[in-house]
Amino acid sequence: MPKVYPKVMRIEDHSLPIGETIHDQVEGRADFVVRRTYGGWFKSLMESESFDSYSGKYVLAKLLNTSSSIVWWHRLHPHAGAFVYYNPKDRYFPDFVALDTDGVHWIIEGKSEKGREDAVVQAKAQGCGIARPSIGRRGCLRRPAMGLSHRV
């Protein structure tokens, strides 16, 4: 299991791009726009967030936001510098950190349907000691969450 070191993240580093507005959440892939800023996240540490994929990150955020087992979640953007080494030389930048109702912090890397079987994704999971990800029936989160996740 990798060793975890705290990463101080300044809230003021999270700002809405000039000219961007906060959009209402969407219900389907057809209405989703990559990197658009969406609001209405009541369990997020931020009032609005942007995502670079629909099924890998946006849908996962919606599940985290509505799961009864999640207290809060935070989107980790790559510029924040939070990363995990999955072997001695390679690292990845996880997508979320979440706190569950048992007081456990989870580091989560969301993956789209097509990306979950990728060799690099599997190497990250194996290197971090992560079990195969899953989503429970009716979209309810089961541990671990969709994508790569591990307890901190």
Foldseek 3Di string as FASTA:
>chain_A
DFDDDDQDFDPVVDDDPPPADEDDDDDDPVPDDAQHKHADQPQEPDRIDGHRDCQFAVLLSVQLSPAQFWNHKYFFDVVSPDWDDLDPPDIDGFGMWTATPVRWIKGFHGDHPVGLVDPVQVSSCVSVVFDREDADPPRHADPPHHGTMDTD
